[in-house]
Amino acid sequence: MPDIATTDELRRRIARASVGIAALARREPDNRWLTSIQRQLDYVDGEARAGRDRLDRAAELNFGLLASHYVDDVDPALAAELHAISAATRRLFGG
């Protein structure tokens, strides 16, 4: 996948990743870390949609780390996408 250069592309990639996270969450409904990943993706998406250039809660975002622990073994492609989204979030929002 190409780099994420714009917030519009970030939002598209978040939407696709959210589908994957939702599928994993259906298989593991008690996995609170998957729920946390989704909440964080929703937050970033909402801030991007609102046109923000900074994230007030940037320091709290750890979905890339959570992907390493809870997604990588079951869906390496999704984990890689979450890492790309995390890196783009830091780059696009100055975090």
Protein backbone atom coordinates (compact mmCIF):
# COMPACT_ATOMS: atom_id res chain seq x y z
CA MET A 1 0.00 0.00 0.00
CA PRO A 2 1.21 3.51 -0.76
CA ASP A 3 1.98 6.00 1.95
CA ILE A 4 -0.91 7.91 3.44
CA ALA A 5 -0.34 11.52 2.39
CA THR A 6 -3.68 13.21 3.10
CA THR A 7 -6.36 13.14 5.75
CA ASP A 8 -8.85 11.98 3.09
CA GLU A 9 -6.66 8.96 2.37
CA LEU A 10 -6.20 8.43 6.11
CA ARG A 11 -9.97 8.33 6.56
CA ARG A 12 -10.37 5.81 3.70
CA ARG A 13 -7.71 3.56 5.19
CA ILE A 14 -9.25 3.86 8.68
CA ALA A 15 -12.61 2.80 7.23
CA ARG A 16 -11.06 -0.31 5.66
CA ALA A 17 -9.10 -1.17 8.80
CA SER A 18 -12.24 -0.75 10.90
CA VAL A 19 -13.93 -3.49 8.89
CA GLY A 20 -11.06 -5.83 9.77
CA ILE A 21 -11.11 -4.87 13.44
CA ALA A 22 -14.88 -5.42 13.55
CA ALA A 23 -14.41 -8.91 12.08
CA LEU A 24 -11.80 -9.77 14.71
CA ALA A 25 -13.99 -8.33 17.47
CA ARG A 26 -16.87 -10.59 16.38
CA ARG A 27 -14.54 -13.58 16.76
CA GLU A 28 -13.25 -12.31 20.11
CA PRO A 29 -16.08 -10.26 21.65
CA ASP A 30 -14.41 -10.03 25.06
CA ASN A 31 -11.14 -8.64 23.70
CA ARG A 32 -11.10 -5.14 25.15
CA TRP A 33 -7.93 -4.27 23.25
CA LEU A 34 -9.70 -4.65 19.91
CA THR A 35 -12.41 -2.35 21.25
CA SER A 36 -9.72 0.14 22.23
CA ILE A 37 -8.18 0.03 18.75
CA GLN A 38 -11.57 0.75 17.22
CA ARG A 39 -12.28 3.63 19.61
CA GLN A 40 -8.92 5.18 18.77
CA LEU A 41 -9.51 4.79 15.03
CA ASP A 42 -12.93 6.41 15.44
CA TYR A 43 -11.33 9.31 17.32
CA VAL A 44 -8.69 9.91 14.62
CA ASP A 45 -11.32 9.64 11.90
CA GLY A 46 -13.57 12.13 13.66
CA GLU A 47 -10.77 14.63 14.14
CA ALA A 48 -9.73 14.28 10.50
CA ARG A 49 -13.34 14.74 9.39
CA ALA A 50 -13.56 17.89 11.53
CA GLY A 51 -10.48 19.32 9.82
CA ARG A 52 -8.29 19.39 12.91
CA ASP A 53 -4.56 19.86 12.43
CA ARG A 54 -3.65 18.66 15.95
CA LEU A 55 -5.01 15.90 18.14
CA ASP A 56 -5.71 16.80 21.75
CA ARG A 57 -5.38 13.16 22.76
CA ALA A 58 -2.39 12.26 20.57
CA ALA A 59 -0.36 11.07 23.56
CA GLU A 60 -3.07 8.52 24.39
CA LEU A 61 -3.02 6.84 20.96
CA ASN A 62 -1.41 3.42 21.09
CA PHE A 63 -3.32 1.43 18.49
CA GLY A 64 -0.11 0.69 16.57
CA LEU A 65 1.39 -0.91 19.67
CA LEU A 66 -1.85 -2.78 20.39
CA ALA A 67 -1.82 -4.06 16.80
CA SER A 68 1.61 -5.60 17.45
CA HIS A 69 0.29 -7.47 20.47
CA TYR A 70 -3.27 -8.38 19.52
CA VAL A 71 -3.57 -8.34 15.73
CA ASP A 72 -0.22 -9.30 14.22
CA ASP A 73 -0.49 -13.04 14.87
CA VAL A 74 -4.07 -13.38 13.57
CA ASP A 75 -4.03 -10.88 10.68
CA PRO A 76 -0.55 -9.60 9.75
CA ALA A 77 -1.88 -7.52 6.84
CA LEU A 78 -4.34 -5.71 9.10
CA ALA A 79 -1.62 -5.14 11.68
CA ALA A 80 0.64 -3.64 8.98
CA GLU A 81 -2.21 -1.36 7.91
CA LEU A 82 -2.75 -0.23 11.50
CA HIS A 83 0.96 0.57 11.76
CA ALA A 84 0.75 2.61 8.54
CA ILE A 85 -2.29 4.47 9.89
CA SER A 86 -0.51 5.13 13.16
CA ALA A 87 2.57 6.51 11.39
CA ALA A 88 0.42 8.67 9.12
CA THR A 89 -1.55 9.97 12.09
CA ARG A 90 1.67 11.13 13.75
CA ARG A 91 2.93 12.66 10.51
CA LEU A 92 -0.32 14.38 9.48
CA PHE A 93 -1.21 15.68 12.94
CA GLY A 94 2.29 16.52 14.12
CA GLY A 95 2.28 13.98 16.92
